[in-house]
Amino acid sequence: MKITLDITAQDFDHLTTNMMLWGGTDWKSKNAEYEKRFECLIPQTEIDYGWVFIHWVTTYADYILVAAYLKAIAEPHQALFDSATGDIAILTDFAGSWMK
């Protein structure tokens, strides 16, 4: 089944619940410290610590919409499960309007 939606940057901001810098904040050592706080949603992949931002979404449905938006604007991403929050974390170089 295919569904067509128009998702805007404002929708992206409303779907994400939190955002912060990922790159340069030493998440790699923090992840080891917290016993693998982040796990890749795609098995057998490694966490890329080179992304600039991390955004969180509460539900998998929110993730699907955010991922569709990022794909539409040609912004790659990586999805992780955050065991500390129970949310899906999205690594990307896209800032959204949080940094404006």
N, C-alpha and C. Protein backbone atom coordinates (compact mmCIF):
# COMPACT_ATOMS: atom_id res chain seq x y z
N MET A 1 0.85 -1.16 0.00
CA MET A 1 0.00 0.00 0.00
C MET A 1 0.90 1.23 0.00
N LYS A 2 0.49 2.23 -0.71
CA LYS A 2 1.22 3.49 -0.76
C LYS A 2 0.29 4.62 -0.36
N ILE A 3 0.79 5.48 0.53
CA ILE A 3 0.03 6.64 0.99
C ILE A 3 0.85 7.88 0.66
N THR A 4 0.21 8.89 0.12
CA THR A 4 0.90 10.13 -0.21
C THR A 4 0.47 11.21 0.76
N LEU A 5 1.46 11.84 1.40
CA LEU A 5 1.21 12.91 2.35
C LEU A 5 2.11 14.09 2.03
N ASP A 6 1.69 15.26 2.36
CA ASP A 6 2.53 16.44 2.29
C ASP A 6 2.97 16.76 3.72
N ILE A 7 4.25 16.54 3.99
CA ILE A 7 4.80 16.79 5.31
C ILE A 7 5.73 18.00 5.20
N THR A 8 5.56 18.94 6.09
CA THR A 8 6.34 20.17 6.05
C THR A 8 7.41 20.17 7.14
N ALA A 9 8.28 21.16 7.07
CA ALA A 9 9.29 21.33 8.13
C ALA A 9 8.62 21.58 9.47
N GLN A 10 7.51 22.27 9.45
CA GLN A 10 6.77 22.52 10.69
C GLN A 10 6.22 21.21 11.25
N ASP A 11 5.74 20.33 10.38
CA ASP A 11 5.27 19.01 10.82
C ASP A 11 6.42 18.24 11.46
N PHE A 12 7.60 18.30 10.83
CA PHE A 12 8.78 17.64 11.39
C PHE A 12 9.01 18.11 12.83
N ASP A 13 8.95 19.41 13.03
CA ASP A 13 9.16 19.97 14.37
C ASP A 13 8.11 19.51 15.37
N HIS A 14 6.87 19.38 14.92
CA HIS A 14 5.80 18.94 15.82
C HIS A 14 5.88 17.44 16.13
N LEU A 15 6.43 16.67 15.20
CA LEU A 15 6.56 15.24 15.40
C LEU A 15 7.71 14.89 16.34
N THR A 16 8.75 15.70 16.33
CA THR A 16 9.90 15.45 17.20
C THR A 16 9.64 16.08 18.57
N THR A 17 10.10 15.38 19.59
CA THR A 17 9.82 15.86 20.95
C THR A 17 11.01 16.56 21.60
N ASN A 18 12.20 16.27 21.09
CA ASN A 18 13.40 16.86 21.65
C ASN A 18 14.49 16.80 20.60
N MET A 19 15.51 17.64 20.75
CA MET A 19 16.63 17.67 19.82
C MET A 19 17.84 18.19 20.54
N MET A 20 19.01 17.70 20.15
CA MET A 20 20.26 18.25 20.66
C MET A 20 21.39 17.92 19.71
N LEU A 21 22.54 18.51 19.94
CA LEU A 21 23.71 18.20 19.14
C LEU A 21 24.15 16.77 19.43
N TRP A 22 24.53 16.07 18.39
CA TRP A 22 25.06 14.71 18.52
C TRP A 22 26.57 14.74 18.30
N GLY A 23 26.98 15.35 17.22
CA GLY A 23 28.40 15.41 16.88
C GLY A 23 29.17 16.26 17.89
N GLY A 24 30.32 15.78 18.26
CA GLY A 24 31.19 16.54 19.14
C GLY A 24 30.79 16.52 20.60
N THR A 25 29.77 15.76 20.98
CA THR A 25 29.33 15.73 22.37
C THR A 25 29.74 14.44 23.08
N ASP A 26 30.58 13.64 22.43
CA ASP A 26 31.14 12.43 23.03
C ASP A 26 30.07 11.40 23.41
N TRP A 27 29.07 11.24 22.55
CA TRP A 27 28.03 10.24 22.81
C TRP A 27 28.59 8.82 22.80
N LYS A 28 29.68 8.61 22.07
CA LYS A 28 30.24 7.26 22.00
C LYS A 28 30.64 6.76 23.39
N SER A 29 31.35 7.59 24.15
CA SER A 29 31.73 7.17 25.50
C SER A 29 30.52 7.13 26.43
N LYS A 30 29.57 8.05 26.23
CA LYS A 30 28.35 8.04 27.05
C LYS A 30 27.56 6.77 26.80
N ASN A 31 27.49 6.32 25.54
CA ASN A 31 26.74 5.12 25.22
C ASN A 31 27.37 3.90 25.88
N ALA A 32 28.68 3.83 25.90
CA ALA A 32 29.37 2.72 26.57
C ALA A 32 29.14 2.79 28.08
N GLU A 33 29.16 4.01 28.59
CA GLU A 33 28.97 4.24 30.03
C GLU A 33 27.58 3.77 30.48
N TYR A 34 26.58 4.00 29.67
CA TYR A 34 25.21 3.66 30.03
C TYR A 34 24.78 2.30 29.48
N GLU A 35 25.75 1.42 29.30
CA GLU A 35 25.49 0.06 28.86
C GLU A 35 24.63 -0.01 27.62
N LYS A 36 25.13 0.59 26.59
CA LYS A 36 24.45 0.55 25.29
C LYS A 36 23.07 1.19 25.34
N ARG A 37 23.03 2.42 25.75
CA ARG A 37 21.77 3.16 25.80
C ARG A 37 21.08 3.17 24.44
N PHE A 38 21.86 3.32 23.37
CA PHE A 38 21.29 3.38 22.03
C PHE A 38 21.55 2.09 21.28
N GLU A 39 20.51 1.60 20.60
CA GLU A 39 20.63 0.42 19.76
C GLU A 39 20.06 0.74 18.39
N CYS A 40 20.73 0.29 17.34
CA CYS A 40 20.26 0.53 15.97
C CYS A 40 18.94 -0.20 15.73
N LEU A 41 18.01 0.47 15.05
CA LEU A 41 16.76 -0.19 14.70
C LEU A 41 16.97 -1.23 13.61
N ILE A 42 17.96 -1.02 12.76
CA ILE A 42 18.30 -2.01 11.73
C ILE A 42 19.40 -2.89 12.31
N PRO A 43 19.10 -4.17 12.54
CA PRO A 43 20.09 -5.07 13.14
C PRO A 43 21.38 -5.15 12.32
N GLN A 44 22.45 -5.50 12.96
CA GLN A 44 23.77 -5.67 12.36
C GLN A 44 24.33 -4.38 11.74
N THR A 45 23.91 -3.24 12.24
CA THR A 45 24.51 -1.99 11.80
C THR A 45 25.17 -1.34 13.01
N GLU A 46 26.10 -0.46 12.74
CA GLU A 46 26.83 0.24 13.79
C GLU A 46 26.30 1.67 13.93
N ILE A 47 26.34 2.19 15.12
CA ILE A 47 25.96 3.59 15.35
C ILE A 47 27.02 4.48 14.74
N ASP A 48 26.58 5.45 13.94
CA ASP A 48 27.49 6.42 13.33
C ASP A 48 27.54 7.65 14.24
N TYR A 49 28.70 7.91 14.80
CA TYR A 49 28.85 9.04 15.71
C TYR A 49 29.22 10.34 14.98
N GLY A 50 29.16 10.31 13.65
CA GLY A 50 29.52 11.48 12.87
C GLY A 50 28.37 12.41 12.52
N TRP A 51 27.14 12.05 12.87
CA TRP A 51 26.00 12.92 12.59
C TRP A 51 26.09 14.18 13.44
N VAL A 52 25.35 15.22 13.05
CA VAL A 52 25.40 16.50 13.77
C VAL A 52 24.31 16.59 14.84
N PHE A 53 23.11 16.10 14.54
CA PHE A 53 21.97 16.26 15.46
C PHE A 53 21.32 14.93 15.79
N ILE A 54 20.66 14.91 16.95
CA ILE A 54 19.81 13.80 17.34
C ILE A 54 18.44 14.38 17.69
N HIS A 55 17.40 13.78 17.12
CA HIS A 55 16.01 14.17 17.38
C HIS A 55 15.31 12.94 17.96
N TRP A 56 14.36 13.14 18.83
CA TRP A 56 13.60 12.04 19.39
C TRP A 56 12.14 12.13 18.95
N VAL A 57 11.54 10.97 18.72
CA VAL A 57 10.09 10.87 18.47
C VAL A 57 9.55 9.82 19.43
N THR A 58 8.28 9.98 19.78
CA THR A 58 7.68 9.11 20.80
C THR A 58 7.24 7.76 20.25
N THR A 59 6.70 7.74 19.04
CA THR A 59 6.13 6.50 18.51
C THR A 59 6.77 6.11 17.18
N TYR A 60 6.58 4.86 16.82
CA TYR A 60 7.08 4.38 15.54
C TYR A 60 6.36 5.08 14.39
N ALA A 61 5.09 5.37 14.56
CA ALA A 61 4.34 6.10 13.52
C ALA A 61 4.95 7.48 13.29
N ASP A 62 5.32 8.16 14.37
CA ASP A 62 6.00 9.46 14.24
C ASP A 62 7.32 9.28 13.48
N TYR A 63 8.04 8.21 13.79
CA TYR A 63 9.30 7.95 13.09
C TYR A 63 9.08 7.77 11.59
N ILE A 64 8.07 7.01 11.21
CA ILE A 64 7.78 6.78 9.79
C ILE A 64 7.55 8.10 9.07
N LEU A 65 6.80 9.01 9.69
CA LEU A 65 6.52 10.31 9.08
C LEU A 65 7.78 11.18 9.00
N VAL A 66 8.56 11.21 10.08
CA VAL A 66 9.80 11.99 10.08
C VAL A 66 10.78 11.43 9.05
N ALA A 67 10.90 10.12 8.98
CA ALA A 67 11.80 9.49 8.00
C ALA A 67 11.36 9.81 6.57
N ALA A 68 10.05 9.83 6.34
CA ALA A 68 9.53 10.17 5.00
C ALA A 68 9.87 11.61 4.65
N TYR A 69 9.76 12.50 5.62
CA TYR A 69 10.11 13.90 5.37
C TYR A 69 11.60 14.03 5.05
N LEU A 70 12.45 13.40 5.85
CA LEU A 70 13.89 13.48 5.61
C LEU A 70 14.25 12.90 4.24
N LYS A 71 13.61 11.82 3.85
CA LYS A 71 13.86 11.23 2.53
C LYS A 71 13.43 12.20 1.43
N ALA A 72 12.29 12.85 1.61
CA ALA A 72 11.77 13.78 0.60
C ALA A 72 12.68 14.98 0.39
N ILE A 73 13.40 15.39 1.44
CA ILE A 73 14.30 16.54 1.30
C ILE A 73 15.76 16.09 1.13
N ALA A 74 15.94 14.81 0.86
CA ALA A 74 17.26 14.22 0.59
C ALA A 74 18.24 14.39 1.76
N GLU A 75 17.72 14.22 2.97
CA GLU A 75 18.56 14.25 4.18
C GLU A 75 18.64 12.83 4.74
N PRO A 76 19.81 12.21 4.69
CA PRO A 76 19.93 10.86 5.25
C PRO A 76 19.80 10.88 6.77
N HIS A 77 19.55 9.72 7.32
CA HIS A 77 19.42 9.62 8.78
C HIS A 77 19.72 8.19 9.22
N GLN A 78 19.83 8.02 10.52
CA GLN A 78 19.96 6.70 11.13
C GLN A 78 19.02 6.67 12.33
N ALA A 79 18.30 5.57 12.49
CA ALA A 79 17.34 5.46 13.59
C ALA A 79 17.87 4.52 14.67
N LEU A 80 17.69 4.95 15.91
CA LEU A 80 18.13 4.19 17.07
C LEU A 80 16.99 4.06 18.08
N PHE A 81 17.03 3.02 18.89
CA PHE A 81 16.14 2.94 20.03
C PHE A 81 16.91 3.47 21.24
N ASP A 82 16.30 4.38 21.98
CA ASP A 82 16.92 4.97 23.17
C ASP A 82 16.31 4.31 24.39
N SER A 83 17.05 3.42 25.02
CA SER A 83 16.51 2.68 26.17
C SER A 83 16.30 3.57 27.39
N ALA A 84 16.95 4.72 27.43
CA ALA A 84 16.77 5.63 28.57
C ALA A 84 15.43 6.34 28.53
N THR A 85 14.93 6.61 27.33
CA THR A 85 13.66 7.33 27.20
C THR A 85 12.53 6.45 26.69
N GLY A 86 12.88 5.34 26.04
CA GLY A 86 11.87 4.49 25.42
C GLY A 86 11.42 5.04 24.07
N ASP A 87 12.11 6.05 23.58
CA ASP A 87 11.75 6.70 22.31
C ASP A 87 12.67 6.25 21.19
N ILE A 88 12.32 6.64 20.00
CA ILE A 88 13.18 6.42 18.84
C ILE A 88 13.99 7.69 18.64
N ALA A 89 15.29 7.52 18.51
CA ALA A 89 16.20 8.63 18.29
C ALA A 89 16.61 8.62 16.82
N ILE A 90 16.63 9.79 16.22
CA ILE A 90 16.96 9.92 14.81
C ILE A 90 18.22 10.77 14.68
N LEU A 91 19.27 10.17 14.12
CA LEU A 91 20.52 10.88 13.88
C LEU A 91 20.50 11.42 12.46
N THR A 92 20.85 12.68 12.30
CA THR A 92 20.84 13.32 10.99
C THR A 92 21.68 14.59 11.04
N ASP A 93 21.94 15.16 9.89
CA ASP A 93 22.59 16.46 9.82
C ASP A 93 21.56 17.58 9.69
N PHE A 94 20.28 17.21 9.65
CA PHE A 94 19.19 18.19 9.51
C PHE A 94 18.82 18.75 10.88
N ALA A 95 18.86 20.09 10.99
CA ALA A 95 18.60 20.73 12.28
C ALA A 95 17.13 20.94 12.57
N GLY A 96 16.30 21.01 11.54
CA GLY A 96 14.93 21.43 11.79
C GLY A 96 14.93 22.88 12.22
N SER A 97 13.88 23.35 12.82
CA SER A 97 13.84 24.77 13.24
C SER A 97 14.31 24.94 14.68
N TRP A 98 14.71 23.85 15.33
CA TRP A 98 15.13 23.93 16.72
C TRP A 98 16.32 24.84 16.90
N MET A 99 17.19 24.91 15.90
CA MET A 99 18.41 25.70 16.01
C MET A 99 18.27 27.13 15.49
N LYS A 100 17.09 27.49 15.01
CA LYS A 100 16.91 28.82 14.42
C LYS A 100 16.54 29.84 15.45
